[in-house]
Amino acid sequence: MVQNKENITEIIMKPFAECLCAIGKDWYHIQFEVHFTPVEYYPDYMTVAKYISDNISGKEMNIETAVDTLGKMLKTAYNPSLLTVKGIVDKVVTHFPVEVIKTY
């Protein structure tokens, strides 16, 4: 957690993960796009990367669950004034490209 001494107004993070789809039973790449409006603190990006590696990447979950999992952690840990988490799956064998967005 980093104190927002600089009064940063928005941070855009673009982490990624590899998941096994709980519905289609096929591995897929999810590109996240996180819009984070900090108040007092913003995340240490290495901490976010480790959270994704430990709790999302390599797990069996659909894109909706992956978006929700990352969003809940960021909202709970850092309490931003606005948070939007988008998950993009565009290279998958079993269906067309999908974008899932959740705003907190």
PDB file of N, CA and C in Angstrom:
ATOM      1  N   MET A   1       0.861  -1.166   0.000  1.00  0.00           N
ATOM      2  CA  MET A   1       0.000   0.000   0.000  1.00  0.00           C
ATOM      3  C   MET A   1       0.909   1.231   0.000  1.00  0.00           C
ATOM      4  N   VAL A   2       0.614   2.162  -0.909  1.00  0.00           N
ATOM      5  CA  VAL A   2       1.431   3.362  -1.039  1.00  0.00           C
ATOM      6  C   VAL A   2       0.550   4.578  -0.756  1.00  0.00           C
ATOM      7  N   GLN A   3       1.025   5.463   0.108  1.00  0.00           N
ATOM      8  CA  GLN A   3       0.261   6.668   0.424  1.00  0.00           C
ATOM      9  C   GLN A   3       0.221   7.578  -0.806  1.00  0.00           C
ATOM     10  N   ASN A   4      -0.947   8.118  -1.092  1.00  0.00           N
ATOM     11  CA  ASN A   4      -1.145   8.966  -2.274  1.00  0.00           C
ATOM     12  C   ASN A   4      -0.710  10.405  -1.987  1.00  0.00           C
ATOM     13  N   LYS A   5       0.566  10.591  -1.701  1.00  0.00           N
ATOM     14  CA  LYS A   5       1.109  11.920  -1.413  1.00  0.00           C
ATOM     15  C   LYS A   5       1.081  12.811  -2.652  1.00  0.00           C
ATOM     16  N   GLU A   6       1.088  12.208  -3.810  1.00  0.00           N
ATOM     17  CA  GLU A   6       1.129  12.952  -5.072  1.00  0.00           C
ATOM     18  C   GLU A   6      -0.253  13.402  -5.536  1.00  0.00           C
ATOM     19  N   ASN A   7      -1.301  12.980  -4.806  1.00  0.00           N
ATOM     20  CA  ASN A   7      -2.690  13.270  -5.186  1.00  0.00           C
ATOM     21  C   ASN A   7      -3.006  12.795  -6.601  1.00  0.00           C
ATOM     22  N   ILE A   8      -2.604  11.569  -6.894  1.00  0.00           N
ATOM     23  CA  ILE A   8      -2.899  10.955  -8.186  1.00  0.00           C
ATOM     24  C   ILE A   8      -4.415  10.806  -8.307  1.00  0.00           C
ATOM     25  N   THR A   9      -4.963  11.127  -9.473  1.00  0.00           N
ATOM     26  CA  THR A   9      -6.415  11.084  -9.654  1.00  0.00           C
ATOM     27  C   THR A   9      -6.908   9.820 -10.339  1.00  0.00           C
ATOM     28  N   GLU A  10      -6.067   9.151 -11.124  1.00  0.00           N
ATOM     29  CA  GLU A  10      -6.489   7.883 -11.730  1.00  0.00           C
ATOM     30  C   GLU A  10      -5.268   7.059 -12.094  1.00  0.00           C
ATOM     31  N   ILE A  11      -5.399   5.771 -11.864  1.00  0.00           N
ATOM     32  CA  ILE A  11      -4.370   4.809 -12.241  1.00  0.00           C
ATOM     33  C   ILE A  11      -5.046   3.771 -13.121  1.00  0.00           C
ATOM     34  N   ILE A  12      -4.405   3.435 -14.226  1.00  0.00           N
ATOM     35  CA  ILE A  12      -4.902   2.375 -15.093  1.00  0.00           C
ATOM     36  C   ILE A  12      -3.868   1.253 -15.071  1.00  0.00           C
ATOM     37  N   MET A  13      -4.311   0.084 -14.629  1.00  0.00           N
ATOM     38  CA  MET A  13      -3.440  -1.090 -14.561  1.00  0.00           C
ATOM     39  C   MET A  13      -3.915  -2.096 -15.604  1.00  0.00           C
ATOM     40  N   LYS A  14      -2.981  -2.828 -16.212  1.00  0.00           N
ATOM     41  CA  LYS A  14      -3.319  -3.800 -17.243  1.00  0.00           C
ATOM     42  C   LYS A  14      -2.654  -5.153 -16.976  1.00  0.00           C
ATOM     43  N   PRO A  15      -2.994  -5.775 -15.854  1.00  0.00           N
ATOM     44  CA  PRO A  15      -2.437  -7.106 -15.565  1.00  0.00           C
ATOM     45  C   PRO A  15      -3.139  -8.184 -16.398  1.00  0.00           C
ATOM     46  N   PHE A  16      -2.627  -9.388 -16.326  1.00  0.00           N
ATOM     47  CA  PHE A  16      -3.216 -10.488 -17.080  1.00  0.00           C
ATOM     48  C   PHE A  16      -3.135 -11.772 -16.271  1.00  0.00           C
ATOM     49  N   ALA A  17      -3.887 -12.770 -16.732  1.00  0.00           N
ATOM     50  CA  ALA A  17      -3.884 -14.082 -16.078  1.00  0.00           C
ATOM     51  C   ALA A  17      -4.236 -15.150 -17.098  1.00  0.00           C
ATOM     52  N   GLU A  18      -3.917 -16.384 -16.768  1.00  0.00           N
ATOM     53  CA  GLU A  18      -4.324 -17.568 -17.536  1.00  0.00           C
ATOM     54  C   GLU A  18      -5.232 -18.380 -16.636  1.00  0.00           C
ATOM     55  N   CYS A  19      -6.437 -18.661 -17.119  1.00  0.00           N
ATOM     56  CA  CYS A  19      -7.407 -19.413 -16.316  1.00  0.00           C
ATOM     57  C   CYS A  19      -7.975 -20.575 -17.108  1.00  0.00           C
ATOM     58  N   LEU A  20      -8.497 -21.535 -16.392  1.00  0.00           N
ATOM     59  CA  LEU A  20      -9.232 -22.634 -16.999  1.00  0.00           C
ATOM     60  C   LEU A  20     -10.709 -22.287 -16.882  1.00  0.00           C
ATOM     61  N   CYS A  21     -11.373 -22.153 -18.019  1.00  0.00           N
ATOM     62  CA  CYS A  21     -12.783 -21.770 -17.999  1.00  0.00           C
ATOM     63  C   CYS A  21     -13.616 -22.837 -17.300  1.00  0.00           C
ATOM     64  N   ALA A  22     -14.374 -22.429 -16.313  1.00  0.00           N
ATOM     65  CA  ALA A  22     -15.216 -23.352 -15.544  1.00  0.00           C
ATOM     66  C   ALA A  22     -16.374 -23.888 -16.379  1.00  0.00           C
ATOM     67  N   ILE A  23     -16.710 -23.202 -17.462  1.00  0.00           N
ATOM     68  CA  ILE A  23     -17.818 -23.635 -18.317  1.00  0.00           C
ATOM     69  C   ILE A  23     -17.300 -24.449 -19.501  1.00  0.00           C
ATOM     70  N   GLY A  24     -16.363 -23.868 -20.268  1.00  0.00           N
ATOM     71  CA  GLY A  24     -15.875 -24.508 -21.489  1.00  0.00           C
ATOM     72  C   GLY A  24     -14.744 -25.488 -21.289  1.00  0.00           C
ATOM     73  N   LYS A  25     -14.187 -25.540 -20.078  1.00  0.00           N
ATOM     74  CA  LYS A  25     -13.082 -26.455 -19.742  1.00  0.00           C
ATOM     75  C   LYS A  25     -11.896 -26.309 -20.694  1.00  0.00           C
ATOM     76  N   ASP A  26     -11.577 -25.070 -21.061  1.00  0.00           N
ATOM     77  CA  ASP A  26     -10.430 -24.788 -21.910  1.00  0.00           C
ATOM     78  C   ASP A  26      -9.655 -23.620 -21.295  1.00  0.00           C
ATOM     79  N   TRP A  27      -8.337 -23.626 -21.439  1.00  0.00           N
ATOM     80  CA  TRP A  27      -7.506 -22.541 -20.906  1.00  0.00           C
ATOM     81  C   TRP A  27      -7.699 -21.293 -21.744  1.00  0.00           C
ATOM     82  N   TYR A  28      -7.688 -20.139 -21.092  1.00  0.00           N
ATOM     83  CA  TYR A  28      -7.812 -18.873 -21.803  1.00  0.00           C
ATOM     84  C   TYR A  28      -6.956 -17.806 -21.133  1.00  0.00           C
ATOM     85  N   HIS A  29      -6.627 -16.780 -21.906  1.00  0.00           N
ATOM     86  CA  HIS A  29      -5.858 -15.630 -21.434  1.00  0.00           C
ATOM     87  C   HIS A  29      -6.842 -14.500 -21.166  1.00  0.00           C
ATOM     88  N   ILE A  30      -6.782 -13.914 -19.988  1.00  0.00           N
ATOM     89  CA  ILE A  30      -7.621 -12.770 -19.650  1.00  0.00           C
ATOM     90  C   ILE A  30      -6.739 -11.549 -19.454  1.00  0.00           C
ATOM     91  N   GLN A  31      -7.027 -10.514 -20.220  1.00  0.00           N
ATOM     92  CA  GLN A  31      -6.340  -9.234 -20.085  1.00  0.00           C
ATOM     93  C   GLN A  31      -7.243  -8.329 -19.256  1.00  0.00           C
ATOM     94  N   PHE A  32      -6.780  -7.933 -18.100  1.00  0.00           N
ATOM     95  CA  PHE A  32      -7.548  -7.015 -17.263  1.00  0.00           C
ATOM     96  C   PHE A  32      -7.220  -5.571 -17.639  1.00  0.00           C
ATOM     97  N   GLU A  33      -8.196  -4.697 -17.441  1.00  0.00           N
ATOM     98  CA  GLU A  33      -7.960  -3.262 -17.491  1.00  0.00           C
ATOM     99  C   GLU A  33      -8.655  -2.689 -16.273  1.00  0.00           C
ATOM    100  N   VAL A  34      -7.872  -2.162 -15.351  1.00  0.00           N
ATOM    101  CA  VAL A  34      -8.382  -1.663 -14.075  1.00  0.00           C
ATOM    102  C   VAL A  34      -8.252  -0.145 -14.047  1.00  0.00           C
ATOM    103  N   HIS A  35      -9.371   0.544 -13.840  1.00  0.00           N
ATOM    104  CA  HIS A  35      -9.363   1.998 -13.642  1.00  0.00           C
ATOM    105  C   HIS A  35      -9.589   2.234 -12.148  1.00  0.00           C
ATOM    106  N   PHE A  36      -8.612   2.833 -11.515  1.00  0.00           N
ATOM    107  CA  PHE A  36      -8.551   2.940 -10.065  1.00  0.00           C
ATOM    108  C   PHE A  36      -8.399   4.413  -9.694  1.00  0.00           C
ATOM    109  N   THR A  37      -9.355   4.956  -8.954  1.00  0.00           N
ATOM    110  CA  THR A  37      -9.285   6.341  -8.484  1.00  0.00           C
ATOM    111  C   THR A  37      -8.932   6.328  -6.998  1.00  0.00           C
ATOM    112  N   PRO A  38      -7.664   6.578  -6.682  1.00  0.00           N
ATOM    113  CA  PRO A  38      -7.230   6.472  -5.289  1.00  0.00           C
ATOM    114  C   PRO A  38      -7.718   7.634  -4.434  1.00  0.00           C
ATOM    115  N   VAL A  39      -7.810   7.372  -3.135  1.00  0.00           N
ATOM    116  CA  VAL A  39      -8.091   8.419  -2.162  1.00  0.00           C
ATOM    117  C   VAL A  39      -6.808   8.592  -1.353  1.00  0.00           C
ATOM    118  N   GLU A  40      -6.682   7.841  -0.265  1.00  0.00           N
ATOM    119  CA  GLU A  40      -5.478   7.950   0.576  1.00  0.00           C
ATOM    120  C   GLU A  40      -4.323   7.077   0.093  1.00  0.00           C
ATOM    121  N   TYR A  41      -4.654   5.921  -0.483  1.00  0.00           N
ATOM    122  CA  TYR A  41      -3.620   4.945  -0.851  1.00  0.00           C
ATOM    123  C   TYR A  41      -3.877   4.392  -2.240  1.00  0.00           C
ATOM    124  N   TYR A  42      -2.801   3.936  -2.857  1.00  0.00           N
ATOM    125  CA  TYR A  42      -2.914   3.168  -4.091  1.00  0.00           C
ATOM    126  C   TYR A  42      -2.076   1.902  -3.940  1.00  0.00           C
ATOM    127  N   PRO A  43      -2.321   0.919  -4.802  1.00  0.00           N
ATOM    128  CA  PRO A  43      -1.649  -0.370  -4.634  1.00  0.00           C
ATOM    129  C   PRO A  43      -0.180  -0.347  -5.030  1.00  0.00           C
ATOM    130  N   ASP A  44       0.573  -1.177  -4.372  1.00  0.00           N
ATOM    131  CA  ASP A  44       1.904  -1.540  -4.833  1.00  0.00           C
ATOM    132  C   ASP A  44       1.641  -2.545  -5.966  1.00  0.00           C
ATOM    133  N   TYR A  45       2.107  -2.257  -7.151  1.00  0.00           N
ATOM    134  CA  TYR A  45       1.765  -3.080  -8.323  1.00  0.00           C
ATOM    135  C   TYR A  45       2.302  -4.504  -8.214  1.00  0.00           C
ATOM    136  N   MET A  46       3.401  -4.680  -7.514  1.00  0.00           N
ATOM    137  CA  MET A  46       3.929  -6.033  -7.312  1.00  0.00           C
ATOM    138  C   MET A  46       2.980  -6.854  -6.435  1.00  0.00           C
ATOM    139  N   THR A  47       2.332  -6.194  -5.484  1.00  0.00           N
ATOM    140  CA  THR A  47       1.349  -6.872  -4.627  1.00  0.00           C
ATOM    141  C   THR A  47       0.144  -7.322  -5.441  1.00  0.00           C
ATOM    142  N   VAL A  48      -0.313  -6.479  -6.356  1.00  0.00           N
ATOM    143  CA  VAL A  48      -1.442  -6.844  -7.225  1.00  0.00           C
ATOM    144  C   VAL A  48      -1.053  -8.011  -8.129  1.00  0.00           C
ATOM    145  N   ALA A  49       0.140  -7.959  -8.697  1.00  0.00           N
ATOM    146  CA  ALA A  49       0.610  -9.046  -9.559  1.00  0.00           C
ATOM    147  C   ALA A  49       0.691 -10.365  -8.790  1.00  0.00           C
ATOM    148  N   LYS A  50       1.181 -10.320  -7.566  1.00  0.00           N
ATOM    149  CA  LYS A  50       1.272 -11.537  -6.743  1.00  0.00           C
ATOM    150  C   LYS A  50      -0.121 -12.056  -6.403  1.00  0.00           C
ATOM    151  N   TYR A  51      -1.061 -11.162  -6.087  1.00  0.00           N
ATOM    152  CA  TYR A  51      -2.423 -11.581  -5.788  1.00  0.00           C
ATOM    153  C   TYR A  51      -3.038 -12.305  -6.996  1.00  0.00           C
ATOM    154  N   ILE A  52      -2.851 -11.751  -8.163  1.00  0.00           N
ATOM    155  CA  ILE A  52      -3.389 -12.383  -9.375  1.00  0.00           C
ATOM    156  C   ILE A  52      -2.736 -13.739  -9.590  1.00  0.00           C
ATOM    157  N   SER A  53      -1.428 -13.803  -9.433  1.00  0.00           N
ATOM    158  CA  SER A  53      -0.703 -15.061  -9.604  1.00  0.00           C
ATOM    159  C   SER A  53      -1.168 -16.130  -8.613  1.00  0.00           C
ATOM    160  N   ASP A  54      -1.409 -15.728  -7.373  1.00  0.00           N
ATOM    161  CA  ASP A  54      -1.788 -16.680  -6.320  1.00  0.00           C
ATOM    162  C   ASP A  54      -3.267 -17.047  -6.316  1.00  0.00           C
ATOM    163  N   ASN A  55      -4.135 -16.140  -6.766  1.00  0.00           N
ATOM    164  CA  ASN A  55      -5.578 -16.327  -6.564  1.00  0.00           C
ATOM    165  C   ASN A  55      -6.421 -16.402  -7.828  1.00  0.00           C
ATOM    166  N   ILE A  56      -5.853 -16.044  -8.976  1.00  0.00           N
ATOM    167  CA  ILE A  56      -6.631 -16.059 -10.224  1.00  0.00           C
ATOM    168  C   ILE A  56      -5.943 -16.914 -11.280  1.00  0.00           C
ATOM    169  N   SER A  57      -4.705 -16.596 -11.612  1.00  0.00           N
ATOM    170  CA  SER A  57      -3.987 -17.309 -12.664  1.00  0.00           C
ATOM    171  C   SER A  57      -3.794 -18.780 -12.283  1.00  0.00           C
ATOM    172  N   GLY A  58      -4.082 -19.641 -13.232  1.00  0.00           N
ATOM    173  CA  GLY A  58      -3.952 -21.080 -13.000  1.00  0.00           C
ATOM    174  C   GLY A  58      -5.169 -21.720 -12.355  1.00  0.00           C
ATOM    175  N   LYS A  59      -6.148 -20.904 -12.008  1.00  0.00           N
ATOM    176  CA  LYS A  59      -7.356 -21.405 -11.335  1.00  0.00           C
ATOM    177  C   LYS A  59      -8.462 -21.696 -12.354  1.00  0.00           C
ATOM    178  N   GLU A  60      -9.418 -22.505 -11.953  1.00  0.00           N
ATOM    179  CA  GLU A  60     -10.590 -22.782 -12.773  1.00  0.00           C
ATOM    180  C   GLU A  60     -11.669 -21.762 -12.419  1.00  0.00           C
ATOM    181  N   MET A  61     -11.885 -20.809 -13.333  1.00  0.00           N
ATOM    182  CA  MET A  61     -12.929 -19.799 -13.124  1.00  0.00           C
ATOM    183  C   MET A  61     -13.254 -19.143 -14.455  1.00  0.00           C
ATOM    184  N   ASN A  62     -14.489 -18.719 -14.576  1.00  0.00           N
ATOM    185  CA  ASN A  62     -14.862 -18.003 -15.785  1.00  0.00           C
ATOM    186  C   ASN A  62     -14.441 -16.538 -15.663  1.00  0.00           C
ATOM    187  N   ILE A  63     -14.576 -15.801 -16.744  1.00  0.00           N
ATOM    188  CA  ILE A  63     -14.117 -14.417 -16.777  1.00  0.00           C
ATOM    189  C   ILE A  63     -14.863 -13.556 -15.757  1.00  0.00           C
ATOM    190  N   GLU A  64     -16.151 -13.803 -15.576  1.00  0.00           N
ATOM    191  CA  GLU A  64     -16.935 -13.019 -14.629  1.00  0.00           C
ATOM    192  C   GLU A  64     -16.407 -13.184 -13.205  1.00  0.00           C
ATOM    193  N   THR A  65     -16.065 -14.398 -12.843  1.00  0.00           N
ATOM    194  CA  THR A  65     -15.530 -14.667 -11.508  1.00  0.00           C
ATOM    195  C   THR A  65     -14.143 -14.051 -11.341  1.00  0.00           C
ATOM    196  N   ALA A  66     -13.328 -14.108 -12.389  1.00  0.00           N
ATOM    197  CA  ALA A  66     -11.991 -13.513 -12.328  1.00  0.00           C
ATOM    198  C   ALA A  66     -12.077 -12.002 -12.125  1.00  0.00           C
ATOM    199  N   VAL A  67     -12.965 -11.337 -12.867  1.00  0.00           N
ATOM    200  CA  VAL A  67     -13.154  -9.888 -12.724  1.00  0.00           C
ATOM    201  C   VAL A  67     -13.610  -9.559 -11.306  1.00  0.00           C
ATOM    202  N   ASP A  68     -14.587 -10.310 -10.809  1.00  0.00           N
ATOM    203  CA  ASP A  68     -15.120 -10.068  -9.469  1.00  0.00           C
ATOM    204  C   ASP A  68     -14.066 -10.313  -8.383  1.00  0.00           C
ATOM    205  N   THR A  69     -13.263 -11.337  -8.542  1.00  0.00           N
ATOM    206  CA  THR A  69     -12.229 -11.675  -7.561  1.00  0.00           C
ATOM    207  C   THR A  69     -11.204 -10.544  -7.444  1.00  0.00           C
ATOM    208  N   LEU A  70     -10.723 -10.058  -8.578  1.00  0.00           N
ATOM    209  CA  LEU A  70      -9.752  -8.965  -8.554  1.00  0.00           C
ATOM    210  C   LEU A  70     -10.390  -7.686  -8.016  1.00  0.00           C
ATOM    211  N   GLY A  71     -11.598  -7.376  -8.444  1.00  0.00           N
ATOM    212  CA  GLY A  71     -12.274  -6.159  -8.007  1.00  0.00           C
ATOM    213  C   GLY A  71     -12.521  -6.129  -6.505  1.00  0.00           C
ATOM    214  N   LYS A  72     -12.982  -7.232  -5.954  1.00  0.00           N
ATOM    215  CA  LYS A  72     -13.245  -7.285  -4.511  1.00  0.00           C
ATOM    216  C   LYS A  72     -11.979  -7.059  -3.698  1.00  0.00           C
ATOM    217  N   MET A  73     -10.878  -7.658  -4.147  1.00  0.00           N
ATOM    218  CA  MET A  73      -9.620  -7.469  -3.421  1.00  0.00           C
ATOM    219  C   MET A  73      -9.195  -6.015  -3.457  1.00  0.00           C
ATOM    220  N   LEU A  74      -9.229  -5.388  -4.623  1.00  0.00           N
ATOM    221  CA  LEU A  74      -8.798  -3.997  -4.740  1.00  0.00           C
ATOM    222  C   LEU A  74      -9.699  -3.057  -3.943  1.00  0.00           C
ATOM    223  N   LYS A  75     -10.999  -3.285  -3.991  1.00  0.00           N
ATOM    224  CA  LYS A  75     -11.944  -2.441  -3.262  1.00  0.00           C
ATOM    225  C   LYS A  75     -11.737  -2.577  -1.751  1.00  0.00           C
ATOM    226  N   THR A  76     -11.598  -3.800  -1.281  1.00  0.00           N
ATOM    227  CA  THR A  76     -11.439  -4.054   0.148  1.00  0.00           C
ATOM    228  C   THR A  76     -10.098  -3.548   0.675  1.00  0.00           C
ATOM    229  N   ALA A  77      -9.040  -3.812  -0.057  1.00  0.00           N
ATOM    230  CA  ALA A  77      -7.696  -3.481   0.432  1.00  0.00           C
ATOM    231  C   ALA A  77      -7.374  -1.988   0.348  1.00  0.00           C
ATOM    232  N   TYR A  78      -7.893  -1.288  -0.672  1.00  0.00           N
ATOM    233  CA  TYR A  78      -7.447   0.085  -0.925  1.00  0.00           C
ATOM    234  C   TYR A  78      -8.551   1.133  -0.884  1.00  0.00           C
ATOM    235  N   ASN A  79      -9.797   0.727  -0.882  1.00  0.00           N
ATOM    236  CA  ASN A  79     -10.950   1.626  -0.787  1.00  0.00           C
ATOM    237  C   ASN A  79     -10.863   2.839  -1.720  1.00  0.00           C
ATOM    238  N   PRO A  80     -10.730   2.602  -3.026  1.00  0.00           N
ATOM    239  CA  PRO A  80     -10.696   3.728  -3.963  1.00  0.00           C
ATOM    240  C   PRO A  80     -12.063   4.396  -4.040  1.00  0.00           C
ATOM    241  N   SER A  81     -12.094   5.647  -4.491  1.00  0.00           N
ATOM    242  CA  SER A  81     -13.384   6.322  -4.622  1.00  0.00           C
ATOM    243  C   SER A  81     -14.149   5.799  -5.835  1.00  0.00           C
ATOM    244  N   LEU A  82     -13.441   5.288  -6.833  1.00  0.00           N
ATOM    245  CA  LEU A  82     -14.070   4.655  -7.993  1.00  0.00           C
ATOM    246  C   LEU A  82     -13.150   3.560  -8.477  1.00  0.00           C
ATOM    247  N   LEU A  83     -13.734   2.450  -8.845  1.00  0.00           N
ATOM    248  CA  LEU A  83     -12.967   1.302  -9.324  1.00  0.00           C
ATOM    249  C   LEU A  83     -13.775   0.608 -10.405  1.00  0.00           C
ATOM    250  N   THR A  84     -13.168   0.425 -11.560  1.00  0.00           N
ATOM    251  CA  THR A  84     -13.776  -0.350 -12.630  1.00  0.00           C
ATOM    252  C   THR A  84     -12.779  -1.415 -13.060  1.00  0.00           C
ATOM    253  N   VAL A  85     -13.234  -2.650 -13.120  1.00  0.00           N
ATOM    254  CA  VAL A  85     -12.390  -3.761 -13.540  1.00  0.00           C
ATOM    255  C   VAL A  85     -13.011  -4.365 -14.797  1.00  0.00           C
ATOM    256  N   LYS A  86     -12.214  -4.393 -15.864  1.00  0.00           N
ATOM    257  CA  LYS A  86     -12.644  -4.995 -17.119  1.00  0.00           C
ATOM    258  C   LYS A  86     -11.785  -6.226 -17.375  1.00  0.00           C
ATOM    259  N   GLY A  87     -12.402  -7.297 -17.825  1.00  0.00           N
ATOM    260  CA  GLY A  87     -11.692  -8.482 -18.256  1.00  0.00           C
ATOM    261  C   GLY A  87     -11.956  -8.690 -19.729  1.00  0.00           C
ATOM    262  N   ILE A  88     -10.894  -8.897 -20.497  1.00  0.00           N
ATOM    263  CA  ILE A  88     -11.017  -9.063 -21.943  1.00  0.00           C
ATOM    264  C   ILE A  88     -10.460 -10.432 -22.323  1.00  0.00           C
ATOM    265  N   VAL A  89     -11.291 -11.203 -23.012  1.00  0.00           N
ATOM    266  CA  VAL A  89     -10.872 -12.493 -23.566  1.00  0.00           C
ATOM    267  C   VAL A  89     -11.112 -12.395 -25.062  1.00  0.00           C
ATOM    268  N   ASP A  90     -10.020 -12.334 -25.839  1.00  0.00           N
ATOM    269  CA  ASP A  90     -10.220 -12.181 -27.276  1.00  0.00           C
ATOM    270  C   ASP A  90      -9.557 -13.272 -28.112  1.00  0.00           C
ATOM    271  N   LYS A  91      -8.783 -14.124 -27.495  1.00  0.00           N
ATOM    272  CA  LYS A  91      -8.160 -15.227 -28.218  1.00  0.00           C
ATOM    273  C   LYS A  91      -8.535 -16.529 -27.526  1.00  0.00           C
ATOM    274  N   VAL A  92      -9.719 -17.006 -27.858  1.00  0.00           N
ATOM    275  CA  VAL A  92     -10.217 -18.231 -27.245  1.00  0.00           C
ATOM    276  C   VAL A  92     -10.794 -19.111 -28.359  1.00  0.00           C
ATOM    277  N   VAL A  93     -10.623 -20.396 -28.243  1.00  0.00           N
ATOM    278  CA  VAL A  93     -11.045 -21.328 -29.282  1.00  0.00           C
ATOM    279  C   VAL A  93     -12.549 -21.578 -29.249  1.00  0.00           C
ATOM    280  N   THR A  94     -13.132 -21.589 -28.064  1.00  0.00           N
ATOM    281  CA  THR A  94     -14.506 -22.082 -27.921  1.00  0.00           C
ATOM    282  C   THR A  94     -15.606 -21.056 -28.166  1.00  0.00           C
ATOM    283  N   HIS A  95     -15.277 -19.750 -28.196  1.00  0.00           N
ATOM    284  CA  HIS A  95     -16.315 -18.750 -28.460  1.00  0.00           C
ATOM    285  C   HIS A  95     -15.693 -17.435 -28.932  1.00  0.00           C
ATOM    286  N   PHE A  96     -16.529 -16.473 -29.216  1.00  0.00           N
ATOM    287  CA  PHE A  96     -16.132 -15.153 -29.710  1.00  0.00           C
ATOM    288  C   PHE A  96     -15.488 -14.323 -28.591  1.00  0.00           C
ATOM    289  N   PRO A  97     -14.856 -13.192 -28.934  1.00  0.00           N
ATOM    290  CA  PRO A  97     -14.266 -12.314 -27.920  1.00  0.00           C
ATOM    291  C   PRO A  97     -15.338 -11.783 -26.948  1.00  0.00           C
ATOM    292  N   VAL A  98     -14.931 -11.623 -25.686  1.00  0.00           N
ATOM    293  CA  VAL A  98     -15.847 -11.161 -24.631  1.00  0.00           C
ATOM    294  C   VAL A  98     -15.125 -10.136 -23.766  1.00  0.00           C
ATOM    295  N   GLU A  99     -15.858  -9.095 -23.384  1.00  0.00           N
ATOM    296  CA  GLU A  99     -15.388  -8.131 -22.384  1.00  0.00           C
ATOM    297  C   GLU A  99     -16.419  -8.082 -21.267  1.00  0.00           C
ATOM    298  N   VAL A 100     -15.961  -8.198 -20.028  1.00  0.00           N
ATOM    299  CA  VAL A 100     -16.823  -8.150 -18.862  1.00  0.00           C
ATOM    300  C   VAL A 100     -16.344  -6.981 -17.998  1.00  0.00           C
ATOM    301  N   ILE A 101     -17.281  -6.129 -17.567  1.00  0.00           N
ATOM    302  CA  ILE A 101     -16.933  -4.928 -16.799  1.00  0.00           C
ATOM    303  C   ILE A 101     -17.755  -4.882 -15.516  1.00  0.00           C
ATOM    304  N   LYS A 102     -17.070  -4.575 -14.414  1.00  0.00           N
ATOM    305  CA  LYS A 102     -17.759  -4.367 -13.147  1.00  0.00           C
ATOM    306  C   LYS A 102     -17.223  -3.100 -12.505  1.00  0.00           C
ATOM    307  N   THR A 103     -18.162  -2.243 -12.060  1.00  0.00           N
ATOM    308  CA  THR A 103     -17.800  -0.993 -11.407  1.00  0.00           C
ATOM    309  C   THR A 103     -18.188  -1.067  -9.940  1.00  0.00           C
ATOM    310  N   TYR A 104     -17.295  -0.596  -9.084  1.00  0.00           N
ATOM    311  CA  TYR A 104     -17.509  -0.618  -7.630  1.00  0.00           C
ATOM    312  C   TYR A 104     -17.654   0.798  -7.121  1.00  0.00           C
TER     313      TYR A 104
END
